[in-house]
Amino acid sequence: MEDANEKLAVFERFTDAIVPGRWAECRPINEKEANVTGILALTIEDASAKIRTGGAVDDAEDYELPIWAGVVPIVTTYGEPVGDEKMRGEWEVPGSVRGLGEK
C-alpha cells in the first residue's frame, strides 16, 4: 500500500474492528511503526465452514468400538487487562479495553 493516508485509515478500521474505540484512545502511530507494519488486502472468492452444535454424532457401529468419542469445546475469552509495567504513573484502563470482557 503506497498511500500513507490510506494505510493509516486501514490501520484505524482494523484496530477499531478488534477493539472498538481504541484508535481514538491511543497516540498517533509514528512513521517508523507505519513503515514496519504491513497491510494485506485480499478478496475471498470461496470459503467454507463447518458449524454445528451438540454432542458427537457417530455411526451406530462406531459406538461398539473401544474408542473415546466426544467434543472438546474451544472457548475464547478476555482476561483481566495487565498494564505495561514500564508506564510512568498510575493510569486507568481505557473504556475500550475495560469493555472487552463484557462482550
Protein backbone atom coordinates (compact mmCIF):
# COMPACT_ATOMS: atom_id res chain seq x y z
CA MET A 1 0.00 0.00 0.00
CA GLU A 2 1.68 3.17 -1.22
CA ASP A 3 -0.58 5.96 0.05
CA ALA A 4 0.27 6.83 3.69
CA ASN A 5 -3.18 8.31 4.42
CA GLU A 6 -4.91 5.24 3.02
CA LYS A 7 -2.66 3.00 5.12
CA LEU A 8 -3.49 4.98 8.28
CA ALA A 9 -7.21 4.73 7.50
CA VAL A 10 -6.87 0.96 7.17
CA PHE A 11 -4.93 0.77 10.45
CA GLU A 12 -7.72 2.68 12.14
CA ARG A 13 -10.51 0.49 10.71
CA PHE A 14 -8.61 -2.67 11.63
CA THR A 15 -7.85 -1.52 15.18
CA ASP A 16 -11.41 -0.42 15.85
CA ALA A 17 -12.81 -3.64 14.36
CA ILE A 18 -10.92 -5.60 17.02
CA VAL A 19 -11.30 -3.15 19.93
CA PRO A 20 -13.97 -0.53 19.14
CA GLY A 21 -12.86 2.97 20.09
CA ARG A 22 -9.24 2.02 20.76
CA TRP A 23 -7.74 4.07 17.91
CA ALA A 24 -9.02 7.33 19.40
CA GLU A 25 -7.57 6.43 22.82
CA CYS A 26 -4.04 5.83 21.54
CA ARG A 27 -1.31 8.19 20.48
CA PRO A 28 -0.94 8.55 16.72
CA ILE A 29 1.13 5.87 15.02
CA ASN A 30 4.60 7.15 14.15
CA GLU A 31 6.37 6.84 10.81
CA LYS A 32 8.65 4.01 11.95
CA GLU A 33 5.69 1.94 13.16
CA ALA A 34 3.77 2.61 9.96
CA ASN A 35 6.76 1.59 7.84
CA VAL A 36 7.35 -1.72 9.61
CA THR A 37 3.69 -2.73 9.77
CA GLY A 38 2.22 -4.37 6.69
CA ILE A 39 -1.31 -4.31 5.41
CA LEU A 40 -2.62 -7.13 3.26
CA ALA A 41 -5.84 -6.73 1.33
CA LEU A 42 -7.36 -9.76 -0.33
CA THR A 43 -10.61 -10.83 -1.83
CA ILE A 44 -12.12 -14.06 -0.57
CA GLU A 45 -13.61 -15.80 -3.57
CA ASP A 46 -14.58 -19.04 -1.86
CA ALA A 47 -14.89 -20.06 1.76
CA SER A 48 -16.34 -22.92 3.72
CA ALA A 49 -17.08 -23.59 7.36
CA LYS A 50 -18.47 -26.45 9.36
CA ILE A 51 -20.67 -25.16 12.15
CA ARG A 52 -22.74 -27.37 14.38
CA THR A 53 -23.90 -27.56 17.97
CA GLY A 54 -24.44 -30.53 20.20
CA GLY A 55 -22.51 -33.65 21.03
CA ALA A 56 -20.66 -36.12 18.87
CA VAL A 57 -22.56 -37.79 16.04
CA ASP A 58 -21.19 -41.21 15.15
CA ASP A 59 -22.46 -44.17 13.21
CA ALA A 60 -24.15 -46.85 15.34
CA GLU A 61 -21.33 -49.37 14.78
CA ASP A 62 -18.76 -46.82 15.99
CA TYR A 63 -20.27 -46.91 19.46
CA GLU A 64 -19.21 -50.57 19.75
CA LEU A 65 -15.52 -49.61 19.37
CA PRO A 66 -13.33 -49.13 22.46
CA ILE A 67 -12.54 -45.55 21.48
CA TRP A 68 -13.39 -42.31 23.28
CA ALA A 69 -15.75 -40.04 21.40
CA GLY A 70 -16.92 -36.60 22.36
CA VAL A 71 -16.48 -32.89 21.87
CA VAL A 72 -13.75 -30.59 23.16
CA PRO A 73 -15.18 -27.06 23.27
CA ILE A 74 -12.95 -24.16 22.29
CA VAL A 75 -13.66 -21.03 24.31
CA THR A 76 -12.10 -17.64 23.67
CA THR A 77 -12.30 -15.10 26.46
CA TYR A 78 -10.53 -11.93 27.50
CA GLY A 79 -8.63 -11.96 30.78
CA GLU A 80 -8.01 -9.07 33.14
CA PRO A 81 -6.03 -6.25 31.48
CA VAL A 82 -2.39 -6.08 32.62
CA GLY A 83 -0.74 -2.69 32.21
CA ASP A 84 2.78 -2.24 30.88
CA GLU A 85 4.99 -2.17 33.95
CA LYS A 86 7.21 0.47 32.30
CA MET A 87 4.39 3.06 32.27
CA ARG A 88 5.07 6.10 34.39
CA GLY A 89 2.37 6.84 36.89
CA GLU A 90 -0.99 5.26 37.53
CA TRP A 91 -3.35 5.03 34.56
CA GLU A 92 -6.93 3.89 34.42
CA VAL A 93 -7.66 1.09 31.95
CA PRO A 94 -9.40 2.80 29.00
CA GLY A 95 -13.04 2.09 28.30
CA SER A 96 -12.38 0.22 25.06
CA VAL A 97 -10.11 -2.25 26.84
CA ARG A 98 -12.19 -2.49 30.01
CA GLY A 99 -15.26 -3.36 27.93
CA LEU A 100 -13.66 -6.33 26.18
CA GLY A 101 -14.73 -8.82 28.84
CA GLU A 102 -18.31 -7.56 28.71
CA LYS A 103 -18.96 -8.73 25.14
